[in-house]
N, C-alpha and C. Protein backbone atom coordinates (compact mmCIF):
# COMPACT_ATOMS: atom_id res chain seq x y z
N UNK A 1 15.17 6.41 5.85
CA UNK A 1 14.97 5.82 4.53
C UNK A 1 13.49 5.71 4.20
N UNK A 2 12.72 5.28 5.15
CA UNK A 2 11.29 5.08 4.87
C UNK A 2 10.58 6.43 4.78
N UNK A 3 10.91 7.36 5.62
CA UNK A 3 10.24 8.66 5.64
C UNK A 3 10.72 9.57 4.52
N UNK A 4 12.01 9.55 4.23
CA UNK A 4 12.57 10.51 3.29
C UNK A 4 12.76 9.96 1.88
N UNK A 5 13.00 8.65 1.77
CA UNK A 5 13.32 8.07 0.47
C UNK A 5 12.20 7.23 -0.10
N UNK A 6 11.14 7.01 0.66
CA UNK A 6 10.01 6.26 0.16
C UNK A 6 10.17 4.75 0.19
N UNK A 7 11.15 4.24 0.93
CA UNK A 7 11.31 2.80 1.06
C UNK A 7 10.09 2.28 1.81
N UNK A 8 9.45 1.25 1.28
CA UNK A 8 8.22 0.73 1.89
C UNK A 8 8.40 -0.64 2.51
N UNK A 9 9.43 -1.33 2.18
CA UNK A 9 9.67 -2.68 2.67
C UNK A 9 10.43 -2.63 3.99
N UNK A 10 9.76 -2.98 5.08
CA UNK A 10 10.37 -2.93 6.41
C UNK A 10 11.63 -3.78 6.49
N UNK A 11 11.58 -5.00 5.98
CA UNK A 11 12.73 -5.88 6.02
C UNK A 11 13.94 -5.30 5.29
N UNK A 12 13.70 -4.77 4.10
CA UNK A 12 14.76 -4.17 3.33
C UNK A 12 15.37 -2.99 4.08
N UNK A 13 14.50 -2.13 4.64
CA UNK A 13 14.98 -0.95 5.35
C UNK A 13 15.81 -1.36 6.57
N UNK A 14 15.38 -2.39 7.29
CA UNK A 14 16.13 -2.85 8.47
C UNK A 14 17.50 -3.37 8.06
N UNK A 15 17.52 -4.21 7.03
CA UNK A 15 18.80 -4.79 6.60
C UNK A 15 19.77 -3.71 6.12
N UNK A 16 19.25 -2.75 5.34
CA UNK A 16 20.09 -1.67 4.82
C UNK A 16 20.61 -0.80 5.97
N UNK A 17 19.77 -0.45 6.92
CA UNK A 17 20.19 0.36 8.05
C UNK A 17 21.22 -0.38 8.88
N UNK A 18 21.01 -1.69 9.08
CA UNK A 18 21.95 -2.49 9.86
C UNK A 18 23.32 -2.52 9.16
N UNK A 19 23.32 -2.70 7.84
CA UNK A 19 24.59 -2.70 7.10
C UNK A 19 25.29 -1.36 7.22
N UNK A 20 24.53 -0.26 7.09
CA UNK A 20 25.12 1.08 7.17
C UNK A 20 25.71 1.35 8.55
N UNK A 21 25.12 0.76 9.57
CA UNK A 21 25.60 0.99 10.94
C UNK A 21 26.59 -0.07 11.39
N UNK A 22 26.82 -1.08 10.56
CA UNK A 22 27.77 -2.13 10.91
C UNK A 22 27.20 -3.12 11.91
N UNK A 23 25.89 -3.16 12.09
CA UNK A 23 25.27 -4.10 13.04
C UNK A 23 25.22 -5.48 12.41
N UNK A 24 25.51 -6.49 13.21
CA UNK A 24 25.50 -7.86 12.70
C UNK A 24 24.47 -8.72 13.41
N UNK A 25 23.95 -8.29 14.55
CA UNK A 25 23.01 -9.08 15.31
C UNK A 25 21.57 -8.74 14.89
N UNK A 26 20.95 -9.67 14.17
CA UNK A 26 19.59 -9.44 13.67
C UNK A 26 18.57 -9.32 14.80
N UNK A 27 18.90 -9.89 15.97
CA UNK A 27 17.97 -9.82 17.12
C UNK A 27 17.85 -8.40 17.66
N UNK A 28 18.84 -7.56 17.39
CA UNK A 28 18.79 -6.21 17.92
C UNK A 28 18.05 -5.23 17.01
N UNK A 29 17.56 -5.70 15.87
CA UNK A 29 16.82 -4.83 14.97
C UNK A 29 15.43 -4.54 15.55
N UNK A 30 14.91 -3.35 15.28
CA UNK A 30 13.58 -3.02 15.79
C UNK A 30 12.50 -3.82 15.10
N UNK A 31 11.36 -3.96 15.77
CA UNK A 31 10.21 -4.65 15.17
C UNK A 31 9.54 -3.68 14.19
N UNK A 32 8.68 -4.23 13.36
CA UNK A 32 7.93 -3.38 12.43
C UNK A 32 7.07 -2.39 13.19
N UNK A 33 6.48 -2.82 14.31
CA UNK A 33 5.64 -1.91 15.11
C UNK A 33 6.48 -0.76 15.67
N UNK A 34 7.70 -1.04 16.10
CA UNK A 34 8.57 0.02 16.61
C UNK A 34 8.94 0.99 15.49
N UNK A 35 9.22 0.47 14.31
CA UNK A 35 9.55 1.33 13.18
C UNK A 35 8.33 2.19 12.82
N UNK A 36 7.17 1.59 12.78
CA UNK A 36 5.94 2.32 12.43
C UNK A 36 5.71 3.46 13.43
N UNK A 37 5.91 3.20 14.72
CA UNK A 37 5.72 4.22 15.75
C UNK A 37 6.69 5.38 15.53
N UNK A 38 7.94 5.08 15.24
CA UNK A 38 8.94 6.12 15.01
C UNK A 38 8.66 6.87 13.70
N UNK A 39 8.19 6.16 12.70
CA UNK A 39 7.85 6.81 11.43
C UNK A 39 6.71 7.82 11.64
N UNK A 40 5.70 7.42 12.40
CA UNK A 40 4.61 8.34 12.73
C UNK A 40 5.12 9.56 13.50
N UNK A 41 5.99 9.36 14.45
CA UNK A 41 6.54 10.47 15.24
C UNK A 41 7.33 11.40 14.32
N UNK A 42 8.17 10.87 13.45
CA UNK A 42 8.96 11.67 12.52
C UNK A 42 8.04 12.48 11.61
N UNK A 43 7.02 11.84 11.09
CA UNK A 43 6.09 12.54 10.18
C UNK A 43 5.34 13.66 10.91
N UNK A 44 4.99 13.42 12.15
CA UNK A 44 4.27 14.47 12.89
C UNK A 44 5.15 15.68 13.17
N UNK A 45 6.43 15.46 13.29
CA UNK A 45 7.36 16.57 13.55
C UNK A 45 7.74 17.29 12.24
N UNK A 46 8.10 16.54 11.22
CA UNK A 46 8.67 17.14 10.02
C UNK A 46 7.73 17.31 8.85
N UNK A 47 6.62 16.58 8.82
CA UNK A 47 5.73 16.64 7.65
C UNK A 47 4.27 16.74 8.03
N UNK A 48 3.96 17.23 9.19
CA UNK A 48 2.60 17.13 9.74
C UNK A 48 1.53 17.59 8.75
N UNK A 49 1.56 18.85 8.31
CA UNK A 49 0.51 19.36 7.43
C UNK A 49 0.62 18.72 6.05
N UNK A 50 1.83 18.65 5.51
CA UNK A 50 2.03 18.04 4.19
C UNK A 50 1.59 16.58 4.21
N UNK A 51 1.93 15.87 5.27
CA UNK A 51 1.60 14.45 5.38
C UNK A 51 0.08 14.24 5.39
N UNK A 52 -0.63 15.03 6.16
CA UNK A 52 -2.09 14.90 6.24
C UNK A 52 -2.72 15.16 4.89
N UNK A 53 -2.27 16.19 4.19
CA UNK A 53 -2.84 16.53 2.88
C UNK A 53 -2.54 15.42 1.87
N UNK A 54 -1.32 14.92 1.87
CA UNK A 54 -0.92 13.86 0.95
C UNK A 54 -1.71 12.57 1.22
N UNK A 55 -1.91 12.28 2.48
CA UNK A 55 -2.64 11.07 2.84
C UNK A 55 -4.09 11.14 2.34
N UNK A 56 -4.72 12.30 2.48
CA UNK A 56 -6.09 12.48 1.97
C UNK A 56 -6.10 12.30 0.45
N UNK A 57 -5.13 12.91 -0.24
CA UNK A 57 -5.05 12.78 -1.70
C UNK A 57 -4.87 11.32 -2.12
N UNK A 58 -4.03 10.62 -1.40
CA UNK A 58 -3.78 9.19 -1.74
C UNK A 58 -4.98 8.33 -1.45
N UNK A 59 -5.69 8.61 -0.36
CA UNK A 59 -6.90 7.83 -0.03
C UNK A 59 -8.01 8.11 -1.04
N UNK A 60 -8.12 9.35 -1.51
CA UNK A 60 -9.11 9.66 -2.55
C UNK A 60 -8.80 8.89 -3.83
N UNK A 61 -7.54 8.87 -4.21
CA UNK A 61 -7.14 8.11 -5.39
C UNK A 61 -7.43 6.63 -5.18
N UNK A 62 -7.18 6.12 -4.01
CA UNK A 62 -7.45 4.71 -3.70
C UNK A 62 -8.93 4.42 -3.90
N UNK A 63 -9.79 5.29 -3.39
CA UNK A 63 -11.24 5.10 -3.54
C UNK A 63 -11.64 5.05 -5.00
N UNK A 64 -11.13 5.97 -5.80
CA UNK A 64 -11.48 6.01 -7.22
C UNK A 64 -11.01 4.74 -7.94
N UNK A 65 -9.80 4.30 -7.66
CA UNK A 65 -9.27 3.11 -8.30
C UNK A 65 -10.05 1.86 -7.83
N UNK A 66 -10.35 1.81 -6.53
CA UNK A 66 -11.12 0.68 -6.01
C UNK A 66 -12.52 0.62 -6.63
N UNK A 67 -13.14 1.77 -6.84
CA UNK A 67 -14.44 1.80 -7.50
C UNK A 67 -14.34 1.29 -8.93
N UNK A 68 -13.29 1.74 -9.64
CA UNK A 68 -13.05 1.29 -11.01
C UNK A 68 -12.86 -0.24 -11.07
N UNK A 69 -12.13 -0.75 -10.10
CA UNK A 69 -11.78 -2.18 -10.11
C UNK A 69 -12.68 -3.05 -9.27
N UNK A 70 -13.88 -2.56 -8.98
CA UNK A 70 -14.83 -3.25 -8.10
C UNK A 70 -14.99 -4.74 -8.43
N UNK A 71 -15.04 -5.09 -9.70
CA UNK A 71 -15.27 -6.48 -10.09
C UNK A 71 -14.13 -7.41 -9.66
N UNK A 72 -12.96 -6.83 -9.31
CA UNK A 72 -11.81 -7.64 -8.90
C UNK A 72 -11.64 -7.67 -7.36
N UNK A 73 -12.64 -7.24 -6.64
CA UNK A 73 -12.67 -7.29 -5.16
C UNK A 73 -11.41 -6.63 -4.54
N UNK A 74 -11.24 -5.33 -4.74
CA UNK A 74 -10.04 -4.63 -4.27
C UNK A 74 -9.99 -4.42 -2.75
N UNK A 75 -8.78 -4.41 -2.24
CA UNK A 75 -8.49 -4.10 -0.84
C UNK A 75 -7.35 -3.10 -0.80
N UNK A 76 -7.44 -2.09 0.04
CA UNK A 76 -6.33 -1.17 0.27
C UNK A 76 -5.47 -1.77 1.38
N UNK A 77 -4.15 -1.69 1.21
CA UNK A 77 -3.21 -2.19 2.22
C UNK A 77 -2.09 -1.17 2.40
N UNK A 78 -1.18 -1.44 3.27
CA UNK A 78 0.02 -0.65 3.38
C UNK A 78 -0.12 0.70 4.06
N UNK A 79 0.83 1.59 3.75
CA UNK A 79 0.95 2.87 4.42
C UNK A 79 -0.19 3.83 4.22
N UNK A 80 -0.88 3.76 3.09
CA UNK A 80 -2.04 4.64 2.88
C UNK A 80 -3.18 4.23 3.79
N UNK A 81 -3.30 2.94 4.05
CA UNK A 81 -4.32 2.45 4.96
C UNK A 81 -3.96 2.75 6.40
N UNK A 82 -2.74 2.46 6.80
CA UNK A 82 -2.38 2.63 8.22
C UNK A 82 -1.94 4.06 8.57
N UNK A 83 -1.83 4.93 7.56
CA UNK A 83 -1.50 6.32 7.84
C UNK A 83 -0.03 6.65 7.83
N UNK A 84 0.83 5.71 7.48
CA UNK A 84 2.27 5.98 7.51
C UNK A 84 2.85 6.29 6.13
N UNK A 85 2.02 6.36 5.11
CA UNK A 85 2.51 6.64 3.76
C UNK A 85 3.22 7.99 3.75
N UNK A 86 4.37 8.01 3.11
CA UNK A 86 5.13 9.23 3.02
C UNK A 86 5.01 9.88 1.67
N UNK A 87 5.79 10.87 1.48
CA UNK A 87 5.74 11.70 0.26
C UNK A 87 6.00 10.89 -1.01
N UNK A 88 6.77 9.81 -0.92
CA UNK A 88 7.09 9.04 -2.13
C UNK A 88 6.44 7.67 -2.16
N UNK A 89 5.49 7.44 -1.29
CA UNK A 89 4.83 6.14 -1.23
C UNK A 89 3.86 5.91 -2.39
N UNK A 90 3.64 4.65 -2.65
CA UNK A 90 2.63 4.26 -3.62
C UNK A 90 1.39 3.83 -2.85
N UNK A 91 0.23 3.92 -3.50
CA UNK A 91 -0.99 3.39 -2.94
C UNK A 91 -0.99 1.89 -3.26
N UNK A 92 -1.01 1.05 -2.22
CA UNK A 92 -0.98 -0.39 -2.39
C UNK A 92 -2.41 -0.95 -2.40
N UNK A 93 -2.80 -1.55 -3.50
CA UNK A 93 -4.11 -2.17 -3.62
C UNK A 93 -3.93 -3.60 -4.06
N UNK A 94 -4.66 -4.50 -3.39
CA UNK A 94 -4.67 -5.91 -3.78
C UNK A 94 -5.99 -6.18 -4.50
N UNK A 95 -5.92 -6.95 -5.58
CA UNK A 95 -7.14 -7.39 -6.26
C UNK A 95 -7.06 -8.88 -6.51
N UNK A 96 -8.22 -9.48 -6.79
CA UNK A 96 -8.32 -10.93 -6.99
C UNK A 96 -9.03 -11.21 -8.29
N UNK A 97 -8.37 -11.90 -9.20
CA UNK A 97 -8.90 -12.14 -10.53
C UNK A 97 -8.64 -13.59 -10.94
N UNK A 98 -9.35 -14.02 -11.98
CA UNK A 98 -9.10 -15.35 -12.55
C UNK A 98 -7.64 -15.43 -13.01
N UNK A 99 -7.15 -14.33 -13.61
CA UNK A 99 -5.75 -14.26 -14.02
C UNK A 99 -5.34 -12.80 -14.16
N UNK A 100 -4.06 -12.56 -14.11
CA UNK A 100 -3.53 -11.21 -14.29
C UNK A 100 -3.85 -10.69 -15.70
N UNK A 101 -3.96 -11.60 -16.65
CA UNK A 101 -4.28 -11.20 -18.03
C UNK A 101 -5.65 -10.55 -18.09
N UNK A 102 -6.61 -11.01 -17.28
CA UNK A 102 -7.93 -10.40 -17.25
C UNK A 102 -7.84 -8.94 -16.84
N UNK A 103 -6.98 -8.67 -15.88
CA UNK A 103 -6.81 -7.28 -15.39
C UNK A 103 -6.12 -6.44 -16.46
N UNK A 104 -5.12 -7.02 -17.11
CA UNK A 104 -4.42 -6.28 -18.15
C UNK A 104 -5.35 -5.96 -19.32
N UNK A 105 -6.20 -6.89 -19.68
CA UNK A 105 -7.19 -6.65 -20.75
C UNK A 105 -8.15 -5.53 -20.30
N UNK A 106 -8.57 -5.58 -19.05
CA UNK A 106 -9.43 -4.54 -18.50
C UNK A 106 -8.77 -3.17 -18.66
N UNK A 107 -7.48 -3.09 -18.32
CA UNK A 107 -6.73 -1.83 -18.45
C UNK A 107 -6.62 -1.38 -19.91
N UNK A 108 -6.29 -2.33 -20.78
CA UNK A 108 -6.14 -2.00 -22.21
C UNK A 108 -7.46 -1.50 -22.79
N UNK A 109 -8.56 -2.11 -22.43
CA UNK A 109 -9.86 -1.67 -22.93
C UNK A 109 -10.24 -0.28 -22.46
N UNK A 110 -9.66 0.16 -21.39
CA UNK A 110 -9.95 1.51 -20.83
C UNK A 110 -8.81 2.49 -21.08
N UNK A 111 -7.84 2.06 -21.88
CA UNK A 111 -6.70 2.91 -22.25
C UNK A 111 -5.96 3.42 -21.00
N UNK A 112 -5.80 2.56 -20.01
CA UNK A 112 -5.03 2.90 -18.82
C UNK A 112 -3.62 2.38 -19.01
N UNK A 113 -2.66 3.27 -19.03
CA UNK A 113 -1.26 2.89 -19.21
C UNK A 113 -0.71 2.39 -17.88
N UNK A 114 0.03 1.30 -17.94
CA UNK A 114 0.59 0.69 -16.74
C UNK A 114 1.91 0.03 -17.07
N UNK A 115 2.64 -0.29 -16.03
CA UNK A 115 3.90 -1.04 -16.17
C UNK A 115 3.69 -2.37 -15.46
N UNK A 116 4.00 -3.45 -16.13
CA UNK A 116 3.89 -4.78 -15.54
C UNK A 116 5.23 -5.11 -14.86
N UNK A 117 5.15 -5.44 -13.58
CA UNK A 117 6.36 -5.84 -12.84
C UNK A 117 6.18 -7.24 -12.32
N UNK A 118 7.26 -7.95 -12.26
CA UNK A 118 7.22 -9.28 -11.65
C UNK A 118 7.35 -9.10 -10.14
N UNK A 119 6.64 -9.89 -9.38
CA UNK A 119 6.77 -9.82 -7.91
C UNK A 119 8.21 -10.12 -7.51
N UNK A 120 8.63 -9.51 -6.38
CA UNK A 120 10.02 -9.64 -5.94
C UNK A 120 10.43 -11.05 -5.56
N UNK A 121 9.65 -11.71 -4.75
CA UNK A 121 10.03 -13.04 -4.25
C UNK A 121 8.91 -14.02 -4.55
N UNK A 122 9.31 -15.22 -4.86
CA UNK A 122 8.30 -16.26 -5.11
C UNK A 122 8.04 -17.01 -3.80
N UNK A 123 6.88 -16.78 -3.22
CA UNK A 123 6.43 -17.51 -2.02
C UNK A 123 5.01 -17.93 -2.30
N UNK A 124 4.45 -18.79 -1.44
CA UNK A 124 3.07 -19.25 -1.69
C UNK A 124 2.04 -18.12 -1.73
N UNK A 125 2.32 -17.02 -1.06
CA UNK A 125 1.34 -15.92 -1.07
C UNK A 125 1.78 -14.74 -1.92
N UNK A 126 2.65 -14.98 -2.89
CA UNK A 126 3.13 -13.93 -3.78
C UNK A 126 2.07 -13.59 -4.82
N UNK A 127 2.00 -12.33 -5.15
CA UNK A 127 1.07 -11.90 -6.19
C UNK A 127 1.46 -12.54 -7.53
N UNK A 128 0.45 -12.75 -8.37
CA UNK A 128 0.70 -13.28 -9.72
C UNK A 128 1.40 -12.24 -10.56
N UNK A 129 1.01 -10.98 -10.38
CA UNK A 129 1.61 -9.87 -11.12
C UNK A 129 1.47 -8.60 -10.31
N UNK A 130 2.28 -7.61 -10.64
CA UNK A 130 2.17 -6.28 -10.04
C UNK A 130 2.08 -5.29 -11.19
N UNK A 131 1.01 -4.50 -11.16
CA UNK A 131 0.83 -3.47 -12.18
C UNK A 131 0.98 -2.11 -11.51
N UNK A 132 1.80 -1.26 -12.09
CA UNK A 132 2.08 0.04 -11.52
C UNK A 132 1.64 1.11 -12.52
N UNK A 133 0.92 2.11 -12.01
CA UNK A 133 0.43 3.20 -12.86
C UNK A 133 0.16 4.42 -12.02
N UNK A 134 -0.05 5.54 -12.67
CA UNK A 134 -0.39 6.78 -11.98
C UNK A 134 -1.88 7.05 -12.14
N UNK A 135 -2.49 7.50 -11.08
CA UNK A 135 -3.90 7.90 -11.11
C UNK A 135 -3.96 9.34 -10.59
N UNK A 136 -4.18 10.28 -11.47
CA UNK A 136 -4.18 11.70 -11.10
C UNK A 136 -2.90 12.07 -10.34
N UNK A 137 -1.78 11.68 -10.88
CA UNK A 137 -0.46 11.96 -10.33
C UNK A 137 -0.19 11.26 -9.00
N UNK A 138 -0.97 10.25 -8.65
CA UNK A 138 -0.71 9.46 -7.46
C UNK A 138 -0.26 8.09 -7.93
N UNK A 139 0.91 7.61 -7.49
CA UNK A 139 1.39 6.30 -7.92
C UNK A 139 0.59 5.17 -7.25
N UNK A 140 0.15 4.23 -8.07
CA UNK A 140 -0.64 3.10 -7.62
C UNK A 140 0.16 1.82 -7.87
N UNK A 141 0.19 0.94 -6.89
CA UNK A 141 0.83 -0.37 -7.03
C UNK A 141 -0.26 -1.40 -6.80
N UNK A 142 -0.63 -2.08 -7.88
CA UNK A 142 -1.73 -3.03 -7.87
C UNK A 142 -1.17 -4.44 -7.87
N UNK A 143 -1.40 -5.17 -6.80
CA UNK A 143 -0.95 -6.56 -6.70
C UNK A 143 -2.11 -7.46 -7.08
N UNK A 144 -1.91 -8.28 -8.11
CA UNK A 144 -2.95 -9.13 -8.63
C UNK A 144 -2.73 -10.56 -8.11
N UNK A 145 -3.73 -11.07 -7.40
CA UNK A 145 -3.69 -12.43 -6.84
C UNK A 145 -4.75 -13.28 -7.51
N UNK A 146 -4.54 -14.61 -7.47
CA UNK A 146 -5.56 -15.52 -7.98
C UNK A 146 -6.81 -15.38 -7.14
N UNK A 147 -7.96 -15.56 -7.76
CA UNK A 147 -9.26 -15.28 -7.13
C UNK A 147 -9.44 -16.02 -5.82
N UNK A 148 -8.97 -17.25 -5.71
CA UNK A 148 -9.18 -18.04 -4.48
C UNK A 148 -8.28 -17.58 -3.33
N UNK A 149 -7.26 -16.79 -3.61
CA UNK A 149 -6.32 -16.34 -2.57
C UNK A 149 -6.93 -15.26 -1.64
N UNK A 150 -8.08 -14.75 -1.99
CA UNK A 150 -8.71 -13.69 -1.19
C UNK A 150 -8.99 -14.18 0.25
N UNK A 151 -9.25 -15.46 0.41
CA UNK A 151 -9.58 -16.01 1.73
C UNK A 151 -8.41 -16.05 2.69
N UNK A 152 -7.22 -16.03 2.16
CA UNK A 152 -6.03 -16.22 3.00
C UNK A 152 -5.39 -14.88 3.32
N UNK A 153 -5.06 -14.70 4.58
CA UNK A 153 -4.40 -13.45 4.96
C UNK A 153 -2.89 -13.60 4.72
N UNK A 154 -2.30 -12.50 4.37
CA UNK A 154 -0.87 -12.46 4.11
C UNK A 154 -0.16 -11.83 5.30
N UNK A 155 1.13 -11.96 5.33
CA UNK A 155 1.96 -11.33 6.34
C UNK A 155 1.64 -9.86 6.42
N UNK A 156 1.50 -9.31 7.62
CA UNK A 156 1.19 -7.90 7.76
C UNK A 156 -0.20 -7.58 7.25
N UNK A 157 -1.09 -8.57 7.33
CA UNK A 157 -2.36 -8.60 6.63
C UNK A 157 -3.41 -7.55 6.84
N UNK A 158 -3.15 -6.38 7.40
CA UNK A 158 -4.22 -5.40 7.52
C UNK A 158 -4.62 -4.91 6.12
N UNK A 159 -5.93 -4.95 5.88
CA UNK A 159 -6.44 -4.52 4.59
C UNK A 159 -7.89 -4.04 4.77
N UNK A 160 -8.34 -3.21 3.84
CA UNK A 160 -9.69 -2.64 3.94
C UNK A 160 -10.37 -2.64 2.59
N UNK A 161 -11.65 -2.98 2.61
CA UNK A 161 -12.48 -2.88 1.41
C UNK A 161 -12.84 -1.41 1.20
N UNK A 162 -13.55 -1.12 0.12
CA UNK A 162 -13.91 0.25 -0.25
C UNK A 162 -14.62 0.99 0.88
N UNK A 163 -15.59 0.36 1.51
CA UNK A 163 -16.34 1.03 2.59
C UNK A 163 -15.43 1.45 3.75
N UNK A 164 -14.44 0.62 4.05
CA UNK A 164 -13.49 0.96 5.10
C UNK A 164 -12.62 2.14 4.76
N UNK A 165 -12.21 2.25 3.50
CA UNK A 165 -11.40 3.36 3.05
C UNK A 165 -12.23 4.65 3.03
N UNK A 166 -13.47 4.52 2.57
CA UNK A 166 -14.35 5.69 2.59
C UNK A 166 -14.57 6.18 4.02
N UNK A 167 -14.67 5.26 4.97
CA UNK A 167 -14.86 5.65 6.36
C UNK A 167 -13.65 6.40 6.91
N UNK A 168 -12.46 6.12 6.39
CA UNK A 168 -11.25 6.86 6.82
C UNK A 168 -11.32 8.31 6.35
N UNK A 169 -11.88 8.52 5.16
CA UNK A 169 -11.97 9.88 4.61
C UNK A 169 -13.20 10.64 5.06
N UNK A 170 -14.29 9.91 5.23
CA UNK A 170 -15.57 10.55 5.54
C UNK A 170 -16.16 9.91 6.79
N UNK A 171 -15.53 10.09 7.94
CA UNK A 171 -16.07 9.45 9.15
C UNK A 171 -17.46 10.00 9.47
N UNK A 172 -18.31 9.12 9.94
CA UNK A 172 -19.67 9.51 10.33
C UNK A 172 -19.56 10.36 11.58
N UNK A 173 -20.23 11.48 11.59
CA UNK A 173 -20.24 12.31 12.79
C UNK A 173 -21.30 11.77 13.74
N UNK A 174 -20.91 11.63 14.95
CA UNK A 174 -21.79 11.10 15.98
C UNK A 174 -22.70 12.22 16.48
N UNK A 175 -23.96 11.98 16.55
CA UNK A 175 -24.90 12.99 17.06
C UNK A 175 -24.77 13.09 18.56
N UNK A 176 -24.72 14.31 19.05
CA UNK A 176 -24.61 14.54 20.48
C UNK A 176 -26.01 14.43 21.10
N UNK A 177 -26.09 13.86 22.33
CA UNK A 177 -27.39 13.75 22.99
C UNK A 177 -27.95 15.06 23.38
């Protein structure tokens, strides 16, 4: 489901797979780390060249969007950051603003078309809004958080600022002695 259908939510994928297999014991479900390892193995077998090219394309789009949204302190998260993004994945970027309206006004002033989505679940660390748009045919999922929430890490909290994403695409070559 995650590799072929673009499902990005580990919990959802686990529950759906368990239902399809008739499993009832939640303790027997794999961990996210186990799923990620298997996803990487599957991609290396079935999508190796395509996956690498797509990942570069998605990271380039992430860099461009993060540069555009610099004033909102963007972070790349998810599969594009950790390298597990598949053919149907979105680029997940978190930003921090006074309000989601500020970001929407920013988009309107630049004639960037987007779709406003409500976050799936209301928890203390839920985004205020989710804006979805395409950037050069790459789907972007922008999670907008209140400005003070930047200090707090979220579940699965790996994230990278612009310099970290650029380092993934353009690693510094080490000089040989």
